[in-house]
Protein backbone atom coordinates (compact mmCIF):
# COMPACT_ATOMS: atom_id res chain seq x y z
CA MET A 1 100.74 95.78 140.39
CA ARG A 2 102.85 92.67 140.40
CA ARG A 3 104.03 91.00 137.21
CA GLU A 4 105.60 87.61 137.15
CA ARG A 5 106.24 84.83 134.68
CA ARG A 6 104.97 81.74 136.36
CA LYS A 7 104.50 78.13 135.38
CA ASN A 8 101.03 76.77 135.85
CA ARG A 9 100.37 73.34 137.29
CA LEU A 10 100.05 71.75 133.86
CA GLY A 11 103.50 72.91 132.76
CA VAL A 12 102.45 75.88 130.59
CA TYR A 13 104.21 79.19 131.07
CA ARG A 14 102.02 82.27 131.11
CA GLN A 15 102.66 85.93 131.75
CA THR A 16 100.71 86.93 134.83
CA GLU A 17 99.84 90.28 136.32
CA TYR A 18 96.99 90.87 138.66
CA ASN A 19 95.18 93.38 140.76
CA MET A 20 91.87 92.72 142.51
CA VAL A 21 88.83 94.62 141.29
CA ILE A 22 85.51 94.34 143.13
CA LEU A 23 82.39 95.34 141.21
CA LYS A 24 78.86 95.42 142.52
CA GLY A 25 77.48 91.90 142.34
CA SER A 26 80.66 90.28 141.11
CA VAL A 27 84.33 89.70 141.77
CA THR A 28 86.78 89.64 138.91
CA MET A 29 90.53 89.81 138.42
CA SER A 30 92.23 92.71 136.67
CA GLY A 31 94.47 91.26 133.98
CA HIS A 32 95.48 88.19 135.98
CA SER A 33 95.90 86.09 132.85
CA LYS A 34 96.27 86.67 129.14
CA TRP A 35 92.52 86.51 128.61
CA ASN A 36 90.83 87.49 131.85
CA ASN A 37 90.57 91.19 131.04
CA ILE A 38 88.81 90.72 127.69
CA LYS A 39 85.27 90.82 128.97
CA ARG A 40 84.10 93.42 131.47
CA LYS A 41 80.98 92.64 133.46
CA LYS A 42 79.82 96.11 134.39
CA GLU A 43 77.36 95.97 137.26
CA LYS A 44 78.21 99.29 138.91
CA THR A 45 74.61 100.51 138.92
CA ASP A 46 71.23 98.89 139.37
CA ALA A 47 70.34 99.95 135.81
CA ALA A 48 73.38 98.18 134.36
CA LYS A 49 72.65 95.10 136.45
CA ALA A 50 69.04 95.07 135.23
CA LYS A 51 70.29 95.21 131.64
CA VAL A 52 72.45 92.14 132.27
CA PHE A 53 69.43 90.32 133.69
CA THR A 54 67.36 91.29 130.65
CA LYS A 55 69.96 90.02 128.18
CA ILE A 56 70.37 86.72 129.98
CA GLY A 57 66.59 86.42 130.15
CA ARG A 58 66.30 86.86 126.40
CA GLU A 59 68.97 84.21 125.86
CA ILE A 60 67.18 81.72 128.13
CA SER A 61 63.84 82.42 126.46
CA VAL A 62 65.20 81.72 122.99
CA ILE A 63 66.94 78.53 124.16
CA VAL A 64 63.74 77.24 125.79
CA LYS A 65 61.68 77.88 122.66
CA THR A 66 64.19 76.11 120.42
CA GLY A 67 65.26 73.25 122.67
CA GLY A 68 62.70 72.78 125.41
CA ALA A 69 62.31 73.76 129.07
CA ASN A 70 64.01 70.75 130.67
CA PRO A 71 67.70 71.54 131.40
CA ASN A 72 68.44 67.82 131.73
CA GLU A 73 67.46 67.39 128.08
CA ASN A 74 68.61 70.81 126.85
CA SER A 75 72.32 71.31 127.54
CA LYS A 76 72.26 74.88 126.25
CA LEU A 77 69.57 75.74 128.77
CA LYS A 78 71.60 74.13 131.55
CA ASP A 79 74.59 76.27 130.59
CA ALA A 80 72.45 79.40 130.39
CA ILE A 81 70.98 78.76 133.84
CA ALA A 82 74.49 78.38 135.27
CA LYS A 83 75.50 81.63 133.57
CA ALA A 84 72.46 83.39 135.04
CA LYS A 85 73.23 82.16 138.53
CA ALA A 86 76.84 83.30 138.22
CA ALA A 87 75.49 86.75 137.30
CA ASN A 88 73.37 86.71 140.48
CA VAL A 89 70.04 86.44 138.66
CA PRO A 90 67.54 85.28 141.33
CA ASN A 91 66.28 81.71 140.97
CA GLU A 92 62.66 82.87 140.90
CA ASN A 93 63.46 85.12 137.93
CA ILE A 94 65.06 82.23 136.06
CA GLU A 95 62.10 79.95 136.74
CA ARG A 96 59.64 82.65 135.67
CA ILE A 97 61.47 83.22 132.37
CA ILE A 98 61.54 79.48 131.61
CA LYS A 99 57.84 79.02 132.40
CA LYS A 100 56.85 82.04 130.34
CA ALA A 101 58.92 80.92 127.35
CA ALA A 102 57.61 77.35 127.59
CA GLY A 103 54.00 78.53 127.73
CA ASP A 104 54.31 81.04 124.92
CA GLY A 105 53.25 79.33 121.71
CA GLU A 106 54.48 82.14 119.49
CA ALA A 107 57.62 81.32 117.55
CA ASN A 108 60.42 83.78 118.19
CA ASN A 109 62.40 85.23 115.32
CA TYR A 110 65.61 85.99 117.19
CA GLU A 111 68.82 84.85 115.58
CA GLU A 112 72.35 84.65 116.91
CA LEU A 113 74.78 86.76 114.90
CA ILE A 114 78.46 87.43 115.48
CA TYR A 115 80.08 90.65 114.31
CA GLU A 116 83.82 91.11 113.95
CA GLY A 117 85.89 94.23 113.56
CA TYR A 118 88.83 96.35 114.56
CA GLY A 119 88.73 99.06 117.19
CA PRO A 120 91.22 101.93 117.50
CA SER A 121 94.89 100.91 117.10
CA GLY A 122 93.83 97.63 115.49
CA VAL A 123 92.30 96.07 118.61
CA ALA A 124 90.39 92.94 117.54
CA VAL A 125 86.74 92.85 118.65
CA VAL A 126 84.15 90.07 118.55
CA VAL A 127 80.52 90.90 119.34
CA GLU A 128 77.90 88.24 120.05
CA THR A 129 74.32 89.38 119.43
CA LEU A 130 70.80 88.03 119.67
CA THR A 131 68.55 90.07 117.41
CA ASP A 132 65.12 90.08 115.78
CA ASN A 133 66.24 92.59 113.14
CA ARG A 134 69.63 91.93 111.58
CA ASN A 135 69.53 95.09 109.44
CA ARG A 136 69.01 97.28 112.49
CA THR A 137 71.74 95.54 114.47
CA ALA A 138 74.24 95.58 111.62
CA GLY A 139 73.67 99.29 111.13
CA GLU A 140 74.18 100.00 114.81
CA MET A 141 77.36 97.91 114.97
CA ARG A 142 78.81 99.73 111.95
CA HIS A 143 77.92 103.09 113.48
CA TYR A 144 79.65 102.28 116.77
CA PHE A 145 82.86 101.14 115.11
CA ASP A 146 82.96 104.12 112.73
CA LYS A 147 82.24 106.62 115.50
CA CYS A 148 85.11 105.33 117.64
CA GLY A 149 87.76 105.17 114.94
CA GLY A 150 87.44 101.49 114.11
CA ASN A 151 85.82 99.53 111.33
CA LEU A 152 83.38 96.65 111.14
CA GLY A 153 84.90 93.72 109.28
CA GLN A 154 83.69 90.69 107.39
CA SER A 155 83.07 87.28 108.94
CA GLY A 156 86.42 85.74 109.80
CA SER A 157 88.32 89.03 109.77
CA VAL A 158 89.43 88.73 113.41
CA MET A 159 88.04 85.42 114.64
CA PHE A 160 91.28 83.64 113.72
CA MET A 161 92.95 85.66 116.50
CA PHE A 162 90.80 84.03 119.19
CA ASP A 163 90.37 80.54 120.59
CA ARG A 164 86.96 79.43 121.81
CA LYS A 165 87.26 77.89 125.27
CA GLY A 166 85.17 77.03 128.28
CA ILE A 167 86.39 79.13 131.21
CA ILE A 168 85.50 78.38 134.84
CA GLN A 169 86.57 80.67 137.67
CA ILE A 170 86.52 79.66 141.34
CA GLU A 171 87.35 81.98 144.22
CA ALA A 172 90.44 80.56 145.94
CA GLU A 173 89.82 81.72 149.50
CA GLY A 174 89.70 78.74 151.87
CA LEU A 175 90.49 76.19 149.15
CA ASP A 176 93.59 74.06 148.57
CA GLU A 177 95.20 74.50 145.15
CA ASP A 178 96.23 70.87 144.72
CA THR A 179 92.77 69.63 145.67
CA VAL A 180 91.02 71.94 143.21
CA MET A 181 93.52 71.12 140.45
CA GLU A 182 93.03 67.40 140.95
CA ALA A 183 89.24 67.79 140.87
CA ALA A 184 89.46 69.89 137.70
CA LEU A 185 91.70 67.40 135.91
CA GLU A 186 89.54 64.46 136.92
CA ALA A 187 86.51 66.36 135.61
CA GLY A 188 88.16 66.72 132.20
CA ALA A 189 89.76 70.18 132.29
CA GLU A 190 92.42 71.06 129.70
CA ASP A 191 94.32 73.66 131.70
CA PHE A 192 94.54 75.06 135.23
CA ASN A 193 95.87 78.41 136.47
CA PHE A 194 96.12 79.96 139.91
CA ASP A 195 97.26 83.50 140.66
CA GLY A 196 96.69 83.55 144.40
CA ASP A 197 93.08 84.75 144.36
CA VAL A 198 91.21 82.86 141.66
CA PHE A 199 91.48 79.38 140.17
CA GLU A 200 90.91 79.55 136.42
CA ILE A 201 90.06 76.31 134.66
CA SER A 202 89.86 75.99 130.89
CA THR A 203 88.04 73.30 128.96
CA ASP A 204 87.04 72.37 125.46
CA PRO A 205 83.84 74.35 124.73
CA ASN A 206 81.87 71.14 124.35
CA ASP A 207 83.09 69.89 127.73
CA LEU A 208 82.27 73.01 129.75
CA GLY A 209 78.94 71.70 131.03
CA ALA A 210 80.32 68.32 132.07
CA VAL A 211 83.33 69.82 133.86
CA ARG A 212 81.18 72.43 135.58
CA ASP A 213 78.65 69.82 136.71
CA ALA A 214 81.40 67.56 138.08
CA LEU A 215 82.96 70.42 140.04
CA GLU A 216 79.57 71.57 141.30
CA LYS A 217 78.81 68.03 142.45
CA ALA A 218 82.15 68.10 144.29
CA GLY A 219 80.92 71.13 146.21
CA TYR A 220 82.50 74.02 144.32
CA SER A 221 80.73 77.27 143.42
CA PHE A 222 81.77 79.57 140.59
CA LEU A 223 82.48 83.22 139.94
CA SER A 224 81.75 82.46 136.28
CA ALA A 225 81.45 79.47 133.99
CA GLU A 226 80.88 80.09 130.30
CA VAL A 227 82.30 79.74 126.81
CA GLU A 228 84.59 82.64 125.95
CA TYR A 229 86.59 83.88 122.99
CA VAL A 230 90.16 83.90 124.29
CA PRO A 231 92.65 86.11 122.42
CA GLN A 232 95.88 84.47 121.32
CA THR A 233 97.82 87.73 121.73
CA MET A 234 97.05 91.01 123.47
CA ALA A 235 97.14 94.51 121.95
CA THR A 236 98.15 97.70 123.73
CA ILE A 237 97.09 101.31 123.21
CA GLU A 238 99.73 103.87 124.09
CA ASP A 239 97.94 107.24 124.05
CA ALA A 240 95.06 108.29 126.30
CA GLU A 241 92.88 109.71 123.51
CA THR A 242 92.86 106.47 121.56
CA ALA A 243 92.30 104.46 124.74
CA ALA A 244 89.28 106.65 125.52
CA LYS A 245 87.85 105.86 122.06
CA MET A 246 88.30 102.13 122.65
CA GLU A 247 86.64 102.44 126.05
CA LYS A 248 83.72 104.28 124.42
CA LEU A 249 83.38 101.58 121.75
CA ILE A 250 83.13 98.87 124.41
CA ASP A 251 80.57 100.91 126.37
CA MET A 252 78.40 101.54 123.31
CA LEU A 253 78.46 97.88 122.33
CA GLU A 254 77.67 96.61 125.84
CA GLU A 255 74.80 99.06 126.24
CA ASN A 256 73.09 97.85 123.06
CA ASP A 257 70.11 95.63 123.90
CA ASP A 258 70.93 93.17 121.11
CA VAL A 259 74.51 92.57 122.29
CA GLN A 260 75.02 89.52 124.49
CA ALA A 261 78.80 89.65 124.91
CA VAL A 262 81.81 91.67 123.78
CA TRP A 263 85.26 90.08 123.47
CA HIS A 264 88.49 91.86 122.57
CA ASN A 265 92.24 91.57 122.86
CA TRP A 266 92.94 94.99 124.38
CA ASP A 267 95.32 94.71 127.31
CA MET A 268 93.42 97.29 129.34
CA PRO A 269 95.45 99.36 131.81
CA ASP A 270 94.37 99.24 135.43
CA ASP A 271 92.88 102.71 135.51
CA GLU A 272 90.58 101.79 132.59
CA GLU A 273 89.49 98.52 134.19
CA GLU A 274 88.72 100.16 137.51
CA ASN A 275 86.66 103.02 136.05
């Protein structure tokens, strides 16, 4: 583990510590910036990977039914397709989901709901869901938090502790930092960070699609490109028992079919991130 206080290329100081973690189907950085360890993309098994595909498929289907099947006219669909590709969803699967949703005349009754709460030791947690039964989902969320020593809060109870940002990650191998930074700034990025392995570009949430498209047109490919809830400060858990409860809470939330994403401000230790 190496920790250093370094100044990024836009003049903003950030605390940086990093350690490479390679998961099946993805590459991510372990704690390389203040926010990069808030969302785990667990693809260690085929079953977990299939669940990711299913959740992204549901998201695309809902977006198509509400905004149309043409990504050039439906910016949300364009973003969802980019997200699917970053998660290694095959192109034929994406096309099949879009065609099926476009040809299905039945109106869907899914709604996007965000749940907020505190995990063990006061860790702030934000859960994005897509559900067709809000009573069922609310009950399950409350059960998970209670079971793991946390509590489900009201709307706004922890959201003020996060900033909503577009985050783009590009693998640095074979690329020149100055060239990538210049391309990112010209595309409209707000911030740029480099830790030696990954370029991390932040944007206004509304500008994510435009910045991503400009960088893609310039020939760059992405490890991820999506809107994230970035914690303003990180929280630590000192004892192993409490850390295990927090880990269990994240697992239970991520395994729920209605949950699309889990964001938190837990500064996860390396051994937790690598498990």
